[in-house]
Amino acid sequence: IGRVTSGSYAPFLEKNIAMAYVTP
């Protein structure tokens, strides 16, 4: 239903996060 556009380990939040476009 979509694809990741940016993703990384978040050093301050200490989580793995991403932005992605998906079906609304």
PDB file of all heavy atoms in Angstrom:
ATOM      1  N   ILE A   1       0.835  -1.223   0.000  1.00  0.00           N
ATOM      2  CA  ILE A   1       0.000   0.000   0.000  1.00  0.00           C
ATOM      3  C   ILE A   1       0.863   1.264   0.000  1.00  0.00           C
ATOM      4  O   ILE A   1       0.338   2.372   0.088  1.00  0.00           O
ATOM      5  CB  ILE A   1      -0.960   0.007   1.210  1.00  0.00           C
ATOM      6  CG1 ILE A   1      -0.233  -0.265   2.538  1.00  0.00           C
ATOM      7  CG2 ILE A   1      -2.056  -1.035   1.006  1.00  0.00           C
ATOM      8  CD1 ILE A   1       0.237   0.935   3.272  1.00  0.00           C
ATOM      9  N   GLY A   2       2.186   1.103  -0.125  1.00  0.00           N
ATOM     10  CA  GLY A   2       3.033   2.274  -0.167  1.00  0.00           C
ATOM     11  C   GLY A   2       4.502   1.918  -0.039  1.00  0.00           C
ATOM     12  O   GLY A   2       4.873   0.735   0.003  1.00  0.00           O
ATOM     13  N   ARG A   3       5.341   2.968   0.036  1.00  0.00           N
ATOM     14  CA  ARG A   3       6.788   2.777   0.160  1.00  0.00           C
ATOM     15  C   ARG A   3       7.384   3.815   1.102  1.00  0.00           C
ATOM     16  O   ARG A   3       6.901   4.939   1.194  1.00  0.00           O
ATOM     17  CB  ARG A   3       7.476   2.884  -1.206  1.00  0.00           C
ATOM     18  CG  ARG A   3       7.203   1.702  -2.117  1.00  0.00           C
ATOM     19  CD  ARG A   3       8.020   1.738  -3.384  1.00  0.00           C
ATOM     20  NE  ARG A   3       7.741   0.566  -4.220  1.00  0.00           N
ATOM     21  CZ  ARG A   3       8.370  -0.590  -4.094  1.00  0.00           C
ATOM     22  NH1 ARG A   3       9.337  -0.720  -3.200  1.00  0.00           N
ATOM     23  NH2 ARG A   3       8.056  -1.611  -4.871  1.00  0.00           N
ATOM     24  N   VAL A   4       8.445   3.407   1.772  1.00  0.00           N
ATOM     25  CA  VAL A   4       9.195   4.299   2.657  1.00  0.00           C
ATOM     26  C   VAL A   4       9.942   5.332   1.814  1.00  0.00           C
ATOM     27  O   VAL A   4      10.515   4.997   0.768  1.00  0.00           O
ATOM     28  CB  VAL A   4      10.186   3.485   3.523  1.00  0.00           C
ATOM     29  CG1 VAL A   4      11.126   4.412   4.286  1.00  0.00           C
ATOM     30  CG2 VAL A   4       9.427   2.568   4.474  1.00  0.00           C
ATOM     31  N   THR A   5       9.943   6.574   2.267  1.00  0.00           N
ATOM     32  CA  THR A   5      10.705   7.637   1.602  1.00  0.00           C
ATOM     33  C   THR A   5      11.981   7.981   2.362  1.00  0.00           C
ATOM     34  O   THR A   5      12.993   8.309   1.762  1.00  0.00           O
ATOM     35  CB  THR A   5       9.847   8.897   1.450  1.00  0.00           C
ATOM     36  OG1 THR A   5       9.316   9.275   2.731  1.00  0.00           O
ATOM     37  CG2 THR A   5       8.703   8.657   0.483  1.00  0.00           C
ATOM     38  N   SER A   6      11.938   7.934   3.690  1.00  0.00           N
ATOM     39  CA  SER A   6      13.109   8.158   4.537  1.00  0.00           C
ATOM     40  C   SER A   6      12.955   7.310   5.786  1.00  0.00           C
ATOM     41  O   SER A   6      11.854   7.214   6.334  1.00  0.00           O
ATOM     42  CB  SER A   6      13.231   9.630   4.973  1.00  0.00           C
ATOM     43  OG  SER A   6      13.422  10.503   3.885  1.00  0.00           O
ATOM     44  N   GLY A   7      14.059   6.727   6.254  1.00  0.00           N
ATOM     45  CA  GLY A   7      13.992   5.946   7.479  1.00  0.00           C
ATOM     46  C   GLY A   7      15.350   5.827   8.133  1.00  0.00           C
ATOM     47  O   GLY A   7      16.380   5.853   7.458  1.00  0.00           O
ATOM     48  N   SER A   8      15.340   5.725   9.467  1.00  0.00           N
ATOM     49  CA  SER A   8      16.605   5.681  10.207  1.00  0.00           C
ATOM     50  C   SER A   8      16.337   5.308  11.657  1.00  0.00           C
ATOM     51  O   SER A   8      15.200   5.348  12.139  1.00  0.00           O
ATOM     52  CB  SER A   8      17.294   7.044  10.149  1.00  0.00           C
ATOM     53  OG  SER A   8      18.477   7.071  10.932  1.00  0.00           O
ATOM     54  N   TYR A   9      17.403   4.965  12.343  1.00  0.00           N
ATOM     55  CA  TYR A   9      17.386   4.977  13.803  1.00  0.00           C
ATOM     56  C   TYR A   9      17.392   6.423  14.242  1.00  0.00           C
ATOM     57  O   TYR A   9      18.172   7.240  13.729  1.00  0.00           O
ATOM     58  CB  TYR A   9      18.609   4.246  14.356  1.00  0.00           C
ATOM     59  CG  TYR A   9      18.762   4.360  15.859  1.00  0.00           C
ATOM     60  CD1 TYR A   9      17.885   3.720  16.713  1.00  0.00           C
ATOM     61  CD2 TYR A   9      19.799   5.134  16.401  1.00  0.00           C
ATOM     62  CE1 TYR A   9      18.019   3.831  18.093  1.00  0.00           C
ATOM     63  CE2 TYR A   9      19.945   5.248  17.775  1.00  0.00           C
ATOM     64  CZ  TYR A   9      19.055   4.593  18.619  1.00  0.00           C
ATOM     65  OH  TYR A   9      19.199   4.704  19.983  1.00  0.00           O
ATOM     66  N   ALA A  10      16.511   6.785  15.164  1.00  0.00           N
ATOM     67  CA  ALA A  10      16.408   8.155  15.671  1.00  0.00           C
ATOM     68  C   ALA A  10      17.232   8.271  16.950  1.00  0.00           C
ATOM     69  O   ALA A  10      16.826   7.750  17.994  1.00  0.00           O
ATOM     70  CB  ALA A  10      14.949   8.510  15.941  1.00  0.00           C
ATOM     71  N   PRO A  11      18.383   8.936  16.900  1.00  0.00           N
ATOM     72  CA  PRO A  11      19.316   8.910  18.035  1.00  0.00           C
ATOM     73  C   PRO A  11      18.781   9.500  19.326  1.00  0.00           C
ATOM     74  O   PRO A  11      19.109   9.012  20.406  1.00  0.00           O
ATOM     75  CB  PRO A  11      20.506   9.730  17.515  1.00  0.00           C
ATOM     76  CG  PRO A  11      20.447   9.587  16.032  1.00  0.00           C
ATOM     77  CD  PRO A  11      18.984   9.578  15.718  1.00  0.00           C
ATOM     78  N   PHE A  12      17.966  10.548  19.258  1.00  0.00           N
ATOM     79  CA  PHE A  12      17.452  11.159  20.485  1.00  0.00           C
ATOM     80  C   PHE A  12      16.228  10.407  20.995  1.00  0.00           C
ATOM     81  O   PHE A  12      16.087  10.173  22.197  1.00  0.00           O
ATOM     82  CB  PHE A  12      17.110  12.628  20.253  1.00  0.00           C
ATOM     83  CG  PHE A  12      16.771  13.372  21.522  1.00  0.00           C
ATOM     84  CD1 PHE A  12      17.765  13.732  22.412  1.00  0.00           C
ATOM     85  CD2 PHE A  12      15.460  13.701  21.827  1.00  0.00           C
ATOM     86  CE1 PHE A  12      17.465  14.409  23.591  1.00  0.00           C
ATOM     87  CE2 PHE A  12      15.145  14.374  22.994  1.00  0.00           C
ATOM     88  CZ  PHE A  12      16.151  14.729  23.883  1.00  0.00           C
ATOM     89  N   LEU A  13      15.355  10.002  20.098  1.00  0.00           N
ATOM     90  CA  LEU A  13      14.150   9.268  20.483  1.00  0.00           C
ATOM     91  C   LEU A  13      14.452   7.813  20.804  1.00  0.00           C
ATOM     92  O   LEU A  13      13.646   7.145  21.463  1.00  0.00           O
ATOM     93  CB  LEU A  13      13.115   9.339  19.357  1.00  0.00           C
ATOM     94  CG  LEU A  13      12.612  10.733  18.980  1.00  0.00           C
ATOM     95  CD1 LEU A  13      11.657  10.639  17.797  1.00  0.00           C
ATOM     96  CD2 LEU A  13      11.940  11.422  20.156  1.00  0.00           C
ATOM     97  N   GLU A  14      15.579   7.324  20.294  1.00  0.00           N
ATOM     98  CA  GLU A  14      16.008   5.932  20.484  1.00  0.00           C
ATOM     99  C   GLU A  14      14.937   4.961  19.964  1.00  0.00           C
ATOM    100  O   GLU A  14      14.577   3.982  20.617  1.00  0.00           O
ATOM    101  CB  GLU A  14      16.342   5.659  21.953  1.00  0.00           C
ATOM    102  CG  GLU A  14      17.510   6.525  22.455  1.00  0.00           C
ATOM    103  CD  GLU A  14      17.902   6.219  23.882  1.00  0.00           C
ATOM    104  OE1 GLU A  14      17.041   5.726  24.640  1.00  0.00           O
ATOM    105  OE2 GLU A  14      19.065   6.477  24.238  1.00  0.00           O
ATOM    106  N   LYS A  15      14.463   5.249  18.764  1.00  0.00           N
ATOM    107  CA  LYS A  15      13.488   4.400  18.079  1.00  0.00           C
ATOM    108  C   LYS A  15      13.868   4.323  16.607  1.00  0.00           C
ATOM    109  O   LYS A  15      14.594   5.169  16.090  1.00  0.00           O
ATOM    110  CB  LYS A  15      12.074   4.994  18.196  1.00  0.00           C
ATOM    111  CG  LYS A  15      11.548   5.129  19.613  1.00  0.00           C
ATOM    112  CD  LYS A  15      10.188   5.820  19.611  1.00  0.00           C
ATOM    113  CE  LYS A  15       9.646   5.972  21.021  1.00  0.00           C
ATOM    114  NZ  LYS A  15       8.340   6.687  21.035  1.00  0.00           N
ATOM    115  N   ASN A  16      13.343   3.318  15.925  1.00  0.00           N
ATOM    116  CA  ASN A  16      13.468   3.225  14.476  1.00  0.00           C
ATOM    117  C   ASN A  16      12.215   3.837  13.858  1.00  0.00           C
ATOM    118  O   ASN A  16      11.095   3.402  14.153  1.00  0.00           O
ATOM    119  CB  ASN A  16      13.636   1.774  14.031  1.00  0.00           C
ATOM    120  CG  ASN A  16      14.952   1.180  14.506  1.00  0.00           C
ATOM    121  OD1 ASN A  16      15.955   1.882  14.602  1.00  0.00           O
ATOM    122  ND2 ASN A  16      14.953  -0.113  14.819  1.00  0.00           N
ATOM    123  N   ILE A  17      12.408   4.834  13.006  1.00  0.00           N
ATOM    124  CA  ILE A  17      11.280   5.602  12.472  1.00  0.00           C
ATOM    125  C   ILE A  17      11.422   5.761  10.957  1.00  0.00           C
ATOM    126  O   ILE A  17      12.500   5.554  10.392  1.00  0.00           O
ATOM    127  CB  ILE A  17      11.160   6.989  13.124  1.00  0.00           C
ATOM    128  CG1 ILE A  17      12.437   7.818  12.875  1.00  0.00           C
ATOM    129  CG2 ILE A  17      10.881   6.856  14.630  1.00  0.00           C
ATOM    130  CD1 ILE A  17      12.343   9.264  13.371  1.00  0.00           C
ATOM    131  N   ALA A  18      10.321   6.155  10.321  1.00  0.00           N
ATOM    132  CA  ALA A  18      10.346   6.364   8.876  1.00  0.00           C
ATOM    133  C   ALA A  18       9.192   7.265   8.466  1.00  0.00           C
ATOM    134  O   ALA A  18       8.196   7.414   9.200  1.00  0.00           O
ATOM    135  CB  ALA A  18      10.257   5.036   8.132  1.00  0.00           C
ATOM    136  N   MET A  19       9.342   7.852   7.294  1.00  0.00           N
ATOM    137  CA  MET A  19       8.226   8.486   6.600  1.00  0.00           C
ATOM    138  C   MET A  19       7.928   7.653   5.358  1.00  0.00           C
ATOM    139  O   MET A  19       8.841   7.097   4.746  1.00  0.00           O
ATOM    140  CB  MET A  19       8.552   9.930   6.234  1.00  0.00           C
ATOM    141  CG  MET A  19       8.670  10.853   7.442  1.00  0.00           C
ATOM    142  SD  MET A  19       8.687  12.626   7.038  1.00  0.00           S
ATOM    143  CE  MET A  19      10.431  12.871   6.727  1.00  0.00           C
ATOM    144  N   ALA A  20       6.651   7.571   5.007  1.00  0.00           N
ATOM    145  CA  ALA A  20       6.263   6.746   3.872  1.00  0.00           C
ATOM    146  C   ALA A  20       5.009   7.302   3.219  1.00  0.00           C
ATOM    147  O   ALA A  20       4.166   7.915   3.888  1.00  0.00           O
ATOM    148  CB  ALA A  20       6.006   5.305   4.319  1.00  0.00           C
ATOM    149  N   TYR A  21       4.898   7.101   1.921  1.00  0.00           N
ATOM    150  CA  TYR A  21       3.647   7.397   1.220  1.00  0.00           C
ATOM    151  C   TYR A  21       2.812   6.126   1.156  1.00  0.00           C
ATOM    152  O   TYR A  21       3.311   5.055   0.781  1.00  0.00           O
ATOM    153  CB  TYR A  21       3.913   7.915  -0.191  1.00  0.00           C
ATOM    154  CG  TYR A  21       4.221   9.392  -0.208  1.00  0.00           C
ATOM    155  CD1 TYR A  21       5.515   9.849  -0.425  1.00  0.00           C
ATOM    156  CD2 TYR A  21       3.218  10.330   0.033  1.00  0.00           C
ATOM    157  CE1 TYR A  21       5.807  11.196  -0.420  1.00  0.00           C
ATOM    158  CE2 TYR A  21       3.495  11.682   0.050  1.00  0.00           C
ATOM    159  CZ  TYR A  21       4.788  12.110  -0.171  1.00  0.00           C
ATOM    160  OH  TYR A  21       5.068  13.455  -0.154  1.00  0.00           O
ATOM    161  N   VAL A  22       1.535   6.271   1.530  1.00  0.00           N
ATOM    162  CA  VAL A  22       0.626   5.133   1.521  1.00  0.00           C
ATOM    163  C   VAL A  22      -0.705   5.545   0.912  1.00  0.00           C
ATOM    164  O   VAL A  22      -0.993   6.737   0.731  1.00  0.00           O
ATOM    165  CB  VAL A  22       0.389   4.581   2.949  1.00  0.00           C
ATOM    166  CG1 VAL A  22       1.693   4.136   3.585  1.00  0.00           C
ATOM    167  CG2 VAL A  22      -0.325   5.617   3.835  1.00  0.00           C
ATOM    168  N   THR A  23      -1.526   4.561   0.606  1.00  0.00           N
ATOM    169  CA  THR A  23      -2.885   4.809   0.144  1.00  0.00           C
ATOM    170  C   THR A  23      -3.653   5.566   1.231  1.00  0.00           C
ATOM    171  O   THR A  23      -3.634   5.160   2.406  1.00  0.00           O
ATOM    172  CB  THR A  23      -3.591   3.474  -0.155  1.00  0.00           C
ATOM    173  OG1 THR A  23      -2.799   2.747  -1.093  1.00  0.00           O
ATOM    174  CG2 THR A  23      -4.985   3.707  -0.704  1.00  0.00           C
ATOM    175  N   PRO A  24      -4.334   6.669   0.896  1.00  0.00           N
ATOM    176  CA  PRO A  24      -5.002   7.481   1.926  1.00  0.00           C
ATOM    177  C   PRO A  24      -5.970   6.729   2.812  1.00  0.00           C
ATOM    178  O   PRO A  24      -6.146   7.073   3.980  1.00  0.00           O
ATOM    179  CB  PRO A  24      -5.713   8.562   1.092  1.00  0.00           C
ATOM    180  CG  PRO A  24      -4.873   8.712  -0.126  1.00  0.00           C
ATOM    181  CD  PRO A  24      -4.399   7.317  -0.438  1.00  0.00           C
TER     182      PRO A  24
END
